Structure formats: C-alpha cells, structure tokens
Amino acid sequence: MYVALWNLLPGPRWIKLLQILVLLSVTILLLFQWVFPWATEYFNLTGNTVE
C-alpha cells in the first residue's frame, strides 16, 4: 500500500517525502479536529469501568 502511494506521487524522492509528510500531517489534524471528538461523543470513551 505504501509503495503504491509512493509510486503515485509525482516528482523526485525529496518532493515525494515532503508530500507524504504533508498528507500525514493533514490526516492527523483531521483526526484530532473532527473524528476523535465525534467518537468520544457517541462511544463514551472517557468513562471508567474499573473500580
């Protein structure tokens, strides 16, 4: 999967690395901004079940 992504990106090796770092940063930002808050609201991930 990573090889396919690497081969799809245009440019030399250093530009591909820069593009992958940007894509990874955007993915992490989206997860922390929208996905994780949504998951805690619907799945009660902050509750403690161990007494």
C-alpha atoms as a PDB file:
ATOM      1  CA  MET A   1       0.000   0.000   0.000  1.00  0.00           C
ATOM      2  CA  TYR A   2       2.781   2.424   0.853  1.00  0.00           C
ATOM      3  CA  VAL A   3       4.666   1.513  -2.310  1.00  0.00           C
ATOM      4  CA  ALA A   4       1.572   2.245  -4.401  1.00  0.00           C
ATOM      5  CA  LEU A   5       1.211   5.666  -2.714  1.00  0.00           C
ATOM      6  CA  TRP A   6       4.917   6.348  -3.238  1.00  0.00           C
ATOM      7  CA  ASN A   7       4.663   5.472  -6.930  1.00  0.00           C
ATOM      8  CA  LEU A   8       1.562   7.636  -7.473  1.00  0.00           C
ATOM      9  CA  LEU A   9       3.181  10.813  -6.166  1.00  0.00           C
ATOM     10  CA  PRO A  10       4.962  12.961  -8.782  1.00  0.00           C
ATOM     11  CA  GLY A  11       8.472  14.325  -8.564  1.00  0.00           C
ATOM     12  CA  PRO A  12      11.846  13.278  -7.256  1.00  0.00           C
ATOM     13  CA  ARG A  13      12.406  11.472  -3.990  1.00  0.00           C
ATOM     14  CA  TRP A  14      12.651  14.567  -1.762  1.00  0.00           C
ATOM     15  CA  ILE A  15       9.412  16.029  -3.122  1.00  0.00           C
ATOM     16  CA  LYS A  16       7.625  12.710  -2.581  1.00  0.00           C
ATOM     17  CA  LEU A  17       8.852  12.667   1.012  1.00  0.00           C
ATOM     18  CA  LEU A  18       7.627  16.231   1.534  1.00  0.00           C
ATOM     19  CA  GLN A  19       4.219  15.360   0.045  1.00  0.00           C
ATOM     20  CA  ILE A  20       3.869  12.315   2.292  1.00  0.00           C
ATOM     21  CA  LEU A  21       4.747  14.395   5.370  1.00  0.00           C
ATOM     22  CA  VAL A  22       2.101  16.980   4.421  1.00  0.00           C
ATOM     23  CA  LEU A  23      -0.513  14.254   3.822  1.00  0.00           C
ATOM     24  CA  LEU A  24       0.310  12.646   7.159  1.00  0.00           C
ATOM     25  CA  SER A  25       0.071  15.992   8.969  1.00  0.00           C
ATOM     26  CA  VAL A  26      -3.300  16.789   7.388  1.00  0.00           C
ATOM     27  CA  THR A  27      -4.610  13.334   8.284  1.00  0.00           C
ATOM     28  CA  ILE A  28      -3.556  13.725  11.925  1.00  0.00           C
ATOM     29  CA  LEU A  29      -5.091  17.213  12.051  1.00  0.00           C
ATOM     30  CA  LEU A  30      -8.407  15.942  10.665  1.00  0.00           C
ATOM     31  CA  LEU A  31      -8.465  13.090  13.169  1.00  0.00           C
ATOM     32  CA  PHE A  32      -7.884  15.369  16.153  1.00  0.00           C
ATOM     33  CA  GLN A  33     -10.254  18.110  14.965  1.00  0.00           C
ATOM     34  CA  TRP A  34     -13.284  16.080  13.886  1.00  0.00           C
ATOM     35  CA  VAL A  35     -13.040  12.292  14.197  1.00  0.00           C
ATOM     36  CA  PHE A  36     -11.859  11.901  17.793  1.00  0.00           C
ATOM     37  CA  PRO A  37     -14.351  14.433  19.264  1.00  0.00           C
ATOM     38  CA  TRP A  38     -17.162  12.729  17.336  1.00  0.00           C
ATOM     39  CA  ALA A  39     -16.072   9.311  18.628  1.00  0.00           C
ATOM     40  CA  THR A  40     -15.956  10.427  22.274  1.00  0.00           C
ATOM     41  CA  GLU A  41     -19.441  11.916  21.958  1.00  0.00           C
ATOM     42  CA  TYR A  42     -21.027   8.749  20.564  1.00  0.00           C
ATOM     43  CA  PHE A  43     -18.979   5.929  22.142  1.00  0.00           C
ATOM     44  CA  ASN A  44     -18.375   7.181  25.708  1.00  0.00           C
ATOM     45  CA  LEU A  45     -14.625   6.692  25.537  1.00  0.00           C
ATOM     46  CA  THR A  46     -13.957   8.766  28.643  1.00  0.00           C
ATOM     47  CA  GLY A  47     -15.940   6.531  31.002  1.00  0.00           C
ATOM     48  CA  ASN A  48     -14.095   4.414  33.531  1.00  0.00           C
ATOM     49  CA  THR A  49     -15.344   0.842  34.076  1.00  0.00           C
ATOM     50  CA  VAL A  50     -12.693  -0.418  36.521  1.00  0.00           C
ATOM     51  CA  GLU A  51     -13.413   0.116  40.191  1.00  0.00           C
END
